Amino acid sequence: MLNHTQITMLGSAAIDGFGETYIKRPYGECWGADYTLMCALVAMGYMKFKCCHHAPIGCDFIRRYTITDDGREALRRACNPIEQVRNEGER
């Protein structure tokens, strides 16, 4: 089951016209919790890594991700509480 933060990240990609979302970090700093979250979504097959690059202005690093069809389906199920209860009953 997805937590609220994972649903938010999937939702931000789903409403984008290209199905993309990104995370960024300042130069010289470590990737934070967003990176860990995205790695978990990639491992589940809900997001796919697209590219990593420097921001045009400044020295920030940007990682872009694309939502997969499985990610859209998981988001749909997570946002439909009736179906979620039905699926819990099937287990």
PDB file of N, CA and C in Angstrom:
ATOM      1  N   MET A   1       0.845  -1.175   0.000  1.00  0.00           N
ATOM      2  CA  MET A   1       0.000   0.000   0.000  1.00  0.00           C
ATOM      3  C   MET A   1       0.894   1.243   0.000  1.00  0.00           C
ATOM      4  N   LEU A   2       0.519   2.219  -0.772  1.00  0.00           N
ATOM      5  CA  LEU A   2       1.295   3.449  -0.904  1.00  0.00           C
ATOM      6  C   LEU A   2       1.026   4.390   0.262  1.00  0.00           C
ATOM      7  N   ASN A   3       2.062   5.104   0.705  1.00  0.00           N
ATOM      8  CA  ASN A   3       1.845   6.112   1.735  1.00  0.00           C
ATOM      9  C   ASN A   3       1.505   7.450   1.068  1.00  0.00           C
ATOM     10  N   HIS A   4       1.182   8.426   1.880  1.00  0.00           N
ATOM     11  CA  HIS A   4       0.730   9.726   1.360  1.00  0.00           C
ATOM     12  C   HIS A   4       1.790  10.395   0.486  1.00  0.00           C
ATOM     13  N   THR A   5       3.035  10.329   0.895  1.00  0.00           N
ATOM     14  CA  THR A   5       4.109  10.977   0.135  1.00  0.00           C
ATOM     15  C   THR A   5       4.287  10.313  -1.229  1.00  0.00           C
ATOM     16  N   GLN A   6       4.207   8.990  -1.275  1.00  0.00           N
ATOM     17  CA  GLN A   6       4.323   8.277  -2.552  1.00  0.00           C
ATOM     18  C   GLN A   6       3.157   8.633  -3.476  1.00  0.00           C
ATOM     19  N   ILE A   7       1.966   8.724  -2.921  1.00  0.00           N
ATOM     20  CA  ILE A   7       0.790   9.101  -3.714  1.00  0.00           C
ATOM     21  C   ILE A   7       0.966  10.516  -4.265  1.00  0.00           C
ATOM     22  N   THR A   8       1.513  11.422  -3.463  1.00  0.00           N
ATOM     23  CA  THR A   8       1.746  12.795  -3.902  1.00  0.00           C
ATOM     24  C   THR A   8       2.736  12.836  -5.066  1.00  0.00           C
ATOM     25  N   MET A   9       3.822  12.066  -4.969  1.00  0.00           N
ATOM     26  CA  MET A   9       4.820  12.049  -6.049  1.00  0.00           C
ATOM     27  C   MET A   9       4.239  11.451  -7.329  1.00  0.00           C
ATOM     28  N   LEU A  10       3.479  10.373  -7.205  1.00  0.00           N
ATOM     29  CA  LEU A  10       2.845   9.779  -8.383  1.00  0.00           C
ATOM     30  C   LEU A  10       1.830  10.754  -8.976  1.00  0.00           C
ATOM     31  N   GLY A  11       1.088  11.440  -8.107  1.00  0.00           N
ATOM     32  CA  GLY A  11       0.091  12.400  -8.581  1.00  0.00           C
ATOM     33  C   GLY A  11       0.719  13.571  -9.312  1.00  0.00           C
ATOM     34  N   SER A  12       1.863  14.047  -8.833  1.00  0.00           N
ATOM     35  CA  SER A  12       2.515  15.171  -9.505  1.00  0.00           C
ATOM     36  C   SER A  12       2.977  14.770 -10.900  1.00  0.00           C
ATOM     37  N   ALA A  13       3.397  13.522 -11.061  1.00  0.00           N
ATOM     38  CA  ALA A  13       3.796  13.052 -12.395  1.00  0.00           C
ATOM     39  C   ALA A  13       2.571  12.816 -13.275  1.00  0.00           C
ATOM     40  N   ALA A  14       1.504  12.305 -12.684  1.00  0.00           N
ATOM     41  CA  ALA A  14       0.311  11.975 -13.463  1.00  0.00           C
ATOM     42  C   ALA A  14      -0.367  13.215 -14.036  1.00  0.00           C
ATOM     43  N   ILE A  15      -0.333  14.336 -13.314  1.00  0.00           N
ATOM     44  CA  ILE A  15      -1.017  15.529 -13.823  1.00  0.00           C
ATOM     45  C   ILE A  15      -0.168  16.324 -14.801  1.00  0.00           C
ATOM     46  N   ASP A  16       1.130  16.013 -14.866  1.00  0.00           N
ATOM     47  CA  ASP A  16       2.013  16.675 -15.831  1.00  0.00           C
ATOM     48  C   ASP A  16       1.674  16.164 -17.229  1.00  0.00           C
ATOM     49  N   GLY A  17       1.704  17.019 -18.197  1.00  0.00           N
ATOM     50  CA  GLY A  17       1.363  16.637 -19.567  1.00  0.00           C
ATOM     51  C   GLY A  17       2.253  15.560 -20.153  1.00  0.00           C
ATOM     52  N   PHE A  18       3.489  15.477 -19.683  1.00  0.00           N
ATOM     53  CA  PHE A  18       4.431  14.471 -20.186  1.00  0.00           C
ATOM     54  C   PHE A  18       4.579  13.295 -19.239  1.00  0.00           C
ATOM     55  N   GLY A  19       3.879  13.311 -18.113  1.00  0.00           N
ATOM     56  CA  GLY A  19       3.976  12.227 -17.140  1.00  0.00           C
ATOM     57  C   GLY A  19       5.291  12.228 -16.385  1.00  0.00           C
ATOM     58  N   GLU A  20       5.899  13.407 -16.225  1.00  0.00           N
ATOM     59  CA  GLU A  20       7.212  13.501 -15.592  1.00  0.00           C
ATOM     60  C   GLU A  20       7.147  14.266 -14.278  1.00  0.00           C
ATOM     61  N   THR A  21       8.085  13.954 -13.430  1.00  0.00           N
ATOM     62  CA  THR A  21       8.327  14.729 -12.226  1.00  0.00           C
ATOM     63  C   THR A  21       9.834  14.748 -11.998  1.00  0.00           C
ATOM     64  N   TYR A  22      10.291  15.594 -11.114  1.00  0.00           N
ATOM     65  CA  TYR A  22      11.733  15.679 -10.885  1.00  0.00           C
ATOM     66  C   TYR A  22      12.018  15.930  -9.419  1.00  0.00           C
ATOM     67  N   ILE A  23      13.249  15.620  -9.040  1.00  0.00           N
ATOM     68  CA  ILE A  23      13.766  15.999  -7.733  1.00  0.00           C
ATOM     69  C   ILE A  23      15.080  16.726  -7.980  1.00  0.00           C
ATOM     70  N   LYS A  24      15.445  17.607  -7.068  1.00  0.00           N
ATOM     71  CA  LYS A  24      16.708  18.326  -7.250  1.00  0.00           C
ATOM     72  C   LYS A  24      17.416  18.452  -5.914  1.00  0.00           C
ATOM     73  N   ARG A  25      18.710  18.663  -5.991  1.00  0.00           N
ATOM     74  CA  ARG A  25      19.518  18.906  -4.802  1.00  0.00           C
ATOM     75  C   ARG A  25      20.574  19.936  -5.133  1.00  0.00           C
ATOM     76  N   PRO A  26      20.938  20.756  -4.160  1.00  0.00           N
ATOM     77  CA  PRO A  26      22.004  21.729  -4.376  1.00  0.00           C
ATOM     78  C   PRO A  26      23.356  21.033  -4.541  1.00  0.00           C
ATOM     79  N   TYR A  27      24.228  21.669  -5.268  1.00  0.00           N
ATOM     80  CA  TYR A  27      25.568  21.141  -5.492  1.00  0.00           C
ATOM     81  C   TYR A  27      26.281  20.944  -4.153  1.00  0.00           C
ATOM     82  N   GLY A  28      26.924  19.815  -3.993  1.00  0.00           N
ATOM     83  CA  GLY A  28      27.694  19.540  -2.793  1.00  0.00           C
ATOM     84  C   GLY A  28      26.902  18.942  -1.648  1.00  0.00           C
ATOM     85  N   GLU A  29      25.603  18.795  -1.793  1.00  0.00           N
ATOM     86  CA  GLU A  29      24.784  18.201  -0.741  1.00  0.00           C
ATOM     87  C   GLU A  29      24.364  16.792  -1.154  1.00  0.00           C
ATOM     88  N   CYS A  30      23.924  16.016  -0.186  1.00  0.00           N
ATOM     89  CA  CYS A  30      23.484  14.637  -0.454  1.00  0.00           C
ATOM     90  C   CYS A  30      22.036  14.634  -0.926  1.00  0.00           C
ATOM     91  N   TRP A  31      21.707  13.590  -1.687  1.00  0.00           N
ATOM     92  CA  TRP A  31      20.312  13.388  -2.046  1.00  0.00           C
ATOM     93  C   TRP A  31      19.568  13.060  -0.765  1.00  0.00           C
ATOM     94  N   GLY A  32      18.381  13.589  -0.610  1.00  0.00           N
ATOM     95  CA  GLY A  32      17.629  13.422   0.633  1.00  0.00           C
ATOM     96  C   GLY A  32      16.534  12.383   0.550  1.00  0.00           C
ATOM     97  N   ALA A  33      15.495  12.635   1.302  1.00  0.00           N
ATOM     98  CA  ALA A  33      14.381  11.697   1.419  1.00  0.00           C
ATOM     99  C   ALA A  33      13.633  11.527   0.094  1.00  0.00           C
ATOM    100  N   ASP A  34      13.552  12.580  -0.713  1.00  0.00           N
ATOM    101  CA  ASP A  34      12.867  12.472  -2.007  1.00  0.00           C
ATOM    102  C   ASP A  34      13.554  11.437  -2.900  1.00  0.00           C
ATOM    103  N   TYR A  35      14.878  11.398  -2.853  1.00  0.00           N
ATOM    104  CA  TYR A  35      15.628  10.427  -3.650  1.00  0.00           C
ATOM    105  C   TYR A  35      15.307   9.004  -3.196  1.00  0.00           C
ATOM    106  N   THR A  36      15.277   8.791  -1.890  1.00  0.00           N
ATOM    107  CA  THR A  36      14.940   7.477  -1.344  1.00  0.00           C
ATOM    108  C   THR A  36      13.529   7.077  -1.748  1.00  0.00           C
ATOM    109  N   LEU A  37      12.606   8.031  -1.683  1.00  0.00           N
ATOM    110  CA  LEU A  37      11.229   7.781  -2.084  1.00  0.00           C
ATOM    111  C   LEU A  37      11.143   7.395  -3.558  1.00  0.00           C
ATOM    112  N   MET A  38      11.837   8.128  -4.414  1.00  0.00           N
ATOM    113  CA  MET A  38      11.798   7.830  -5.844  1.00  0.00           C
ATOM    114  C   MET A  38      12.443   6.482  -6.144  1.00  0.00           C
ATOM    115  N   CYS A  39      13.513   6.145  -5.440  1.00  0.00           N
ATOM    116  CA  CYS A  39      14.141   4.829  -5.632  1.00  0.00           C
ATOM    117  C   CYS A  39      13.160   3.716  -5.278  1.00  0.00           C
ATOM    118  N   ALA A  40      12.366   3.917  -4.228  1.00  0.00           N
ATOM    119  CA  ALA A  40      11.361   2.921  -3.844  1.00  0.00           C
ATOM    120  C   ALA A  40      10.291   2.802  -4.924  1.00  0.00           C
ATOM    121  N   LEU A  41       9.841   3.934  -5.487  1.00  0.00           N
ATOM    122  CA  LEU A  41       8.824   3.898  -6.544  1.00  0.00           C
ATOM    123  C   LEU A  41       9.372   3.238  -7.811  1.00  0.00           C
ATOM    124  N   VAL A  42      10.648   3.472  -8.110  1.00  0.00           N
ATOM    125  CA  VAL A  42      11.278   2.825  -9.263  1.00  0.00           C
ATOM    126  C   VAL A  42      11.359   1.315  -9.022  1.00  0.00           C
ATOM    127  N   ALA A  43      11.739   0.922  -7.812  1.00  0.00           N
ATOM    128  CA  ALA A  43      11.841  -0.497  -7.475  1.00  0.00           C
ATOM    129  C   ALA A  43      10.493  -1.206  -7.571  1.00  0.00           C
ATOM    130  N   MET A  44       9.409  -0.490  -7.254  1.00  0.00           N
ATOM    131  CA  MET A  44       8.065  -1.064  -7.353  1.00  0.00           C
ATOM    132  C   MET A  44       7.555  -1.078  -8.792  1.00  0.00           C
ATOM    133  N   GLY A  45       8.254  -0.384  -9.684  1.00  0.00           N
ATOM    134  CA  GLY A  45       7.839  -0.332 -11.075  1.00  0.00           C
ATOM    135  C   GLY A  45       6.838   0.770 -11.383  1.00  0.00           C
ATOM    136  N   TYR A  46       6.647   1.700 -10.459  1.00  0.00           N
ATOM    137  CA  TYR A  46       5.665   2.770 -10.638  1.00  0.00           C
ATOM    138  C   TYR A  46       6.257   4.000 -11.325  1.00  0.00           C
ATOM    139  N   MET A  47       7.570   4.175 -11.209  1.00  0.00           N
ATOM    140  CA  MET A  47       8.251   5.276 -11.864  1.00  0.00           C
ATOM    141  C   MET A  47       9.454   4.716 -12.615  1.00  0.00           C
ATOM    142  N   LYS A  48       9.910   5.465 -13.615  1.00  0.00           N
ATOM    143  CA  LYS A  48      11.082   5.060 -14.392  1.00  0.00           C
ATOM    144  C   LYS A  48      12.035   6.248 -14.455  1.00  0.00           C
ATOM    145  N   PHE A  49      13.321   5.992 -14.151  1.00  0.00           N
ATOM    146  CA  PHE A  49      14.328   7.041 -14.214  1.00  0.00           C
ATOM    147  C   PHE A  49      14.506   7.460 -15.663  1.00  0.00           C
ATOM    148  N   LYS A  50      14.570   8.782 -15.893  1.00  0.00           N
ATOM    149  CA  LYS A  50      14.727   9.286 -17.250  1.00  0.00           C
ATOM    150  C   LYS A  50      16.111   9.883 -17.484  1.00  0.00           C
ATOM    151  N   CYS A  51      16.532  10.847 -16.665  1.00  0.00           N
ATOM    152  CA  CYS A  51      17.841  11.468 -16.865  1.00  0.00           C
ATOM    153  C   CYS A  51      18.256  12.234 -15.621  1.00  0.00           C
ATOM    154  N   CYS A  52      19.534  12.600 -15.601  1.00  0.00           N
ATOM    155  CA  CYS A  52      20.108  13.400 -14.523  1.00  0.00           C
ATOM    156  C   CYS A  52      20.969  14.482 -15.174  1.00  0.00           C
ATOM    157  N   HIS A  53      20.835  15.723 -14.728  1.00  0.00           N
ATOM    158  CA  HIS A  53      21.627  16.807 -15.313  1.00  0.00           C
ATOM    159  C   HIS A  53      21.730  17.979 -14.346  1.00  0.00           C
ATOM    160  N   HIS A  54      22.537  18.951 -14.705  1.00  0.00           N
ATOM    161  CA  HIS A  54      22.667  20.184 -13.934  1.00  0.00           C
ATOM    162  C   HIS A  54      21.587  21.161 -14.374  1.00  0.00           C
ATOM    163  N   ALA A  55      21.101  21.938 -13.428  1.00  0.00           N
ATOM    164  CA  ALA A  55      20.144  22.989 -13.759  1.00  0.00           C
ATOM    165  C   ALA A  55      20.854  24.051 -14.595  1.00  0.00           C
ATOM    166  N   PRO A  56      20.150  24.674 -15.548  1.00  0.00           N
ATOM    167  CA  PRO A  56      20.772  25.695 -16.397  1.00  0.00           C
ATOM    168  C   PRO A  56      21.345  26.863 -15.606  1.00  0.00           C
ATOM    169  N   ILE A  57      20.654  27.271 -14.558  1.00  0.00           N
ATOM    170  CA  ILE A  57      21.126  28.381 -13.733  1.00  0.00           C
ATOM    171  C   ILE A  57      21.460  27.803 -12.356  1.00  0.00           C
ATOM    172  N   GLY A  58      22.653  28.037 -11.898  1.00  0.00           N
ATOM    173  CA  GLY A  58      23.080  27.483 -10.617  1.00  0.00           C
ATOM    174  C   GLY A  58      23.739  26.131 -10.818  1.00  0.00           C
ATOM    175  N   CYS A  59      24.010  25.495  -9.743  1.00  0.00           N
ATOM    176  CA  CYS A  59      24.722  24.219  -9.811  1.00  0.00           C
ATOM    177  C   CYS A  59      23.890  23.069  -9.270  1.00  0.00           C
ATOM    178  N   ASP A  60      22.576  23.207  -9.244  1.00  0.00           N
ATOM    179  CA  ASP A  60      21.724  22.141  -8.723  1.00  0.00           C
ATOM    180  C   ASP A  60      21.739  20.938  -9.662  1.00  0.00           C
ATOM    181  N   PHE A  61      21.624  19.756  -9.063  1.00  0.00           N
ATOM    182  CA  PHE A  61      21.458  18.530  -9.843  1.00  0.00           C
ATOM    183  C   PHE A  61      19.975  18.214  -9.917  1.00  0.00           C
ATOM    184  N   ILE A  62      19.520  17.779 -11.078  1.00  0.00           N
ATOM    185  CA  ILE A  62      18.115  17.439 -11.279  1.00  0.00           C
ATOM    186  C   ILE A  62      18.026  16.023 -11.815  1.00  0.00           C
ATOM    187  N   ARG A  63      17.137  15.220 -11.220  1.00  0.00           N
ATOM    188  CA  ARG A  63      16.856  13.870 -11.711  1.00  0.00           C
ATOM    189  C   ARG A  63      15.393  13.832 -12.148  1.00  0.00           C
ATOM    190  N   ARG A  64      15.156  13.416 -13.384  1.00  0.00           N
ATOM    191  CA  ARG A  64      13.795  13.348 -13.922  1.00  0.00           C
ATOM    192  C   ARG A  64      13.311  11.908 -13.942  1.00  0.00           C
ATOM    193  N   TYR A  65      12.045  11.749 -13.641  1.00  0.00           N
ATOM    194  CA  TYR A  65      11.399  10.437 -13.619  1.00  0.00           C
ATOM    195  C   TYR A  65      10.091  10.512 -14.402  1.00  0.00           C
ATOM    196  N   THR A  66       9.699   9.380 -14.974  1.00  0.00           N
ATOM    197  CA  THR A  66       8.450   9.275 -15.725  1.00  0.00           C
ATOM    198  C   THR A  66       7.567   8.235 -15.056  1.00  0.00           C
ATOM    199  N   ILE A  67       6.286   8.534 -14.938  1.00  0.00           N
ATOM    200  CA  ILE A  67       5.350   7.577 -14.349  1.00  0.00           C
ATOM    201  C   ILE A  67       5.065   6.469 -15.368  1.00  0.00           C
ATOM    202  N   THR A  68       4.960   5.247 -14.883  1.00  0.00           N
ATOM    203  CA  THR A  68       4.659   4.103 -15.747  1.00  0.00           C
ATOM    204  C   THR A  68       3.159   3.829 -15.725  1.00  0.00           C
ATOM    205  N   ASP A  69       2.718   2.939 -16.598  1.00  0.00           N
ATOM    206  CA  ASP A  69       1.304   2.547 -16.597  1.00  0.00           C
ATOM    207  C   ASP A  69       0.925   1.892 -15.269  1.00  0.00           C
ATOM    208  N   ASP A  70       1.842   1.094 -14.712  1.00  0.00           N
ATOM    209  CA  ASP A  70       1.583   0.487 -13.400  1.00  0.00           C
ATOM    210  C   ASP A  70       1.464   1.558 -12.324  1.00  0.00           C
ATOM    211  N   GLY A  71       2.249   2.622 -12.439  1.00  0.00           N
ATOM    212  CA  GLY A  71       2.171   3.724 -11.487  1.00  0.00           C
ATOM    213  C   GLY A  71       0.834   4.447 -11.575  1.00  0.00           C
ATOM    214  N   ARG A  72       0.343   4.648 -12.783  1.00  0.00           N
ATOM    215  CA  ARG A  72      -0.982   5.279 -12.945  1.00  0.00           C
ATOM    216  C   ARG A  72      -2.078   4.402 -12.356  1.00  0.00           C
ATOM    217  N   GLU A  73      -1.963   3.088 -12.567  1.00  0.00           N
ATOM    218  CA  GLU A  73      -2.953   2.157 -12.023  1.00  0.00           C
ATOM    219  C   GLU A  73      -2.897   2.130 -10.492  1.00  0.00           C
ATOM    220  N   ALA A  74      -1.700   2.130  -9.928  1.00  0.00           N
ATOM    221  CA  ALA A  74      -1.557   2.147  -8.467  1.00  0.00           C
ATOM    222  C   ALA A  74      -2.119   3.438  -7.891  1.00  0.00           C
ATOM    223  N   LEU A  75      -1.894   4.550  -8.563  1.00  0.00           N
ATOM    224  CA  LEU A  75      -2.441   5.832  -8.118  1.00  0.00           C
ATOM    225  C   LEU A  75      -3.960   5.814  -8.181  1.00  0.00           C
ATOM    226  N   ARG A  76      -4.500   5.253  -9.249  1.00  0.00           N
ATOM    227  CA  ARG A  76      -5.962   5.160  -9.375  1.00  0.00           C
ATOM    228  C   ARG A  76      -6.552   4.322  -8.244  1.00  0.00           C
ATOM    229  N   ARG A  77      -5.920   3.185  -7.955  1.00  0.00           N
ATOM    230  CA  ARG A  77      -6.401   2.314  -6.870  1.00  0.00           C
ATOM    231  C   ARG A  77      -6.279   3.005  -5.513  1.00  0.00           C
ATOM    232  N   ALA A  78      -5.179   3.728  -5.293  1.00  0.00           N
ATOM    233  CA  ALA A  78      -4.965   4.399  -4.003  1.00  0.00           C
ATOM    234  C   ALA A  78      -5.956   5.539  -3.791  1.00  0.00           C
ATOM    235  N   CYS A  79      -6.397   6.155  -4.875  1.00  0.00           N
ATOM    236  CA  CYS A  79      -7.328   7.284  -4.769  1.00  0.00           C
ATOM    237  C   CYS A  79      -8.788   6.858  -4.810  1.00  0.00           C
ATOM    238  N   ASN A  80      -9.053   5.553  -4.946  1.00  0.00           N
ATOM    239  CA  ASN A  80     -10.414   5.038  -4.979  1.00  0.00           C
ATOM    240  C   ASN A  80     -10.607   4.141  -3.764  1.00  0.00           C
ATOM    241  N   PRO A  81     -11.091   4.702  -2.632  1.00  0.00           N
ATOM    242  CA  PRO A  81     -11.180   3.925  -1.396  1.00  0.00           C
ATOM    243  C   PRO A  81     -12.117   2.725  -1.480  1.00  0.00           C
ATOM    244  N   ILE A  82     -13.158   2.790  -2.301  1.00  0.00           N
ATOM    245  CA  ILE A  82     -14.084   1.658  -2.423  1.00  0.00           C
ATOM    246  C   ILE A  82     -13.367   0.465  -3.046  1.00  0.00           C
ATOM    247  N   GLU A  83     -12.620   0.695  -4.102  1.00  0.00           N
ATOM    248  CA  GLU A  83     -11.880  -0.385  -4.728  1.00  0.00           C
ATOM    249  C   GLU A  83     -10.790  -0.902  -3.801  1.00  0.00           C
ATOM    250  N   GLN A  84     -10.210  -0.021  -3.013  1.00  0.00           N
ATOM    251  CA  GLN A  84      -9.158  -0.427  -2.083  1.00  0.00           C
ATOM    252  C   GLN A  84      -9.724  -1.390  -1.038  1.00  0.00           C
ATOM    253  N   VAL A  85     -10.907  -1.108  -0.520  1.00  0.00           N
ATOM    254  CA  VAL A  85     -11.549  -2.002   0.447  1.00  0.00           C
ATOM    255  C   VAL A  85     -11.897  -3.324  -0.218  1.00  0.00           C
ATOM    256  N   ARG A  86     -12.377  -3.292  -1.449  1.00  0.00           N
ATOM    257  CA  ARG A  86     -12.707  -4.505  -2.183  1.00  0.00           C
ATOM    258  C   ARG A  86     -11.468  -5.370  -2.365  1.00  0.00           C
ATOM    259  N   ASN A  87     -10.345  -4.775  -2.724  1.00  0.00           N
ATOM    260  CA  ASN A  87      -9.098  -5.526  -2.914  1.00  0.00           C
ATOM    261  C   ASN A  87      -8.574  -6.090  -1.597  1.00  0.00           C
ATOM    262  N   GLU A  88      -8.758  -5.387  -0.489  1.00  0.00           N
ATOM    263  CA  GLU A  88      -8.323  -5.891   0.801  1.00  0.00           C
ATOM    264  C   GLU A  88      -9.136  -7.128   1.176  1.00  0.00           C
ATOM    265  N   GLY A  89     -10.416  -7.152   0.816  1.00  0.00           N
ATOM    266  CA  GLY A  89     -11.277  -8.287   1.128  1.00  0.00           C
ATOM    267  C   GLY A  89     -10.935  -9.535   0.330  1.00  0.00           C
ATOM    268  N   GLU A  90     -10.287  -9.372  -0.814  1.00  0.00           N
ATOM    269  CA  GLU A  90      -9.934 -10.512  -1.673  1.00  0.00           C
ATOM    270  C   GLU A  90      -8.716 -11.261  -1.163  1.00  0.00           C
ATOM    271  N   ARG A  91      -7.968 -10.668  -0.268  1.00  0.00           N
ATOM    272  CA  ARG A  91      -6.734 -11.304   0.235  1.00  0.00           C
ATOM    273  C   ARG A  91      -6.998 -12.404   1.195  1.00  0.00           C
TER     274      ARG A  91
END
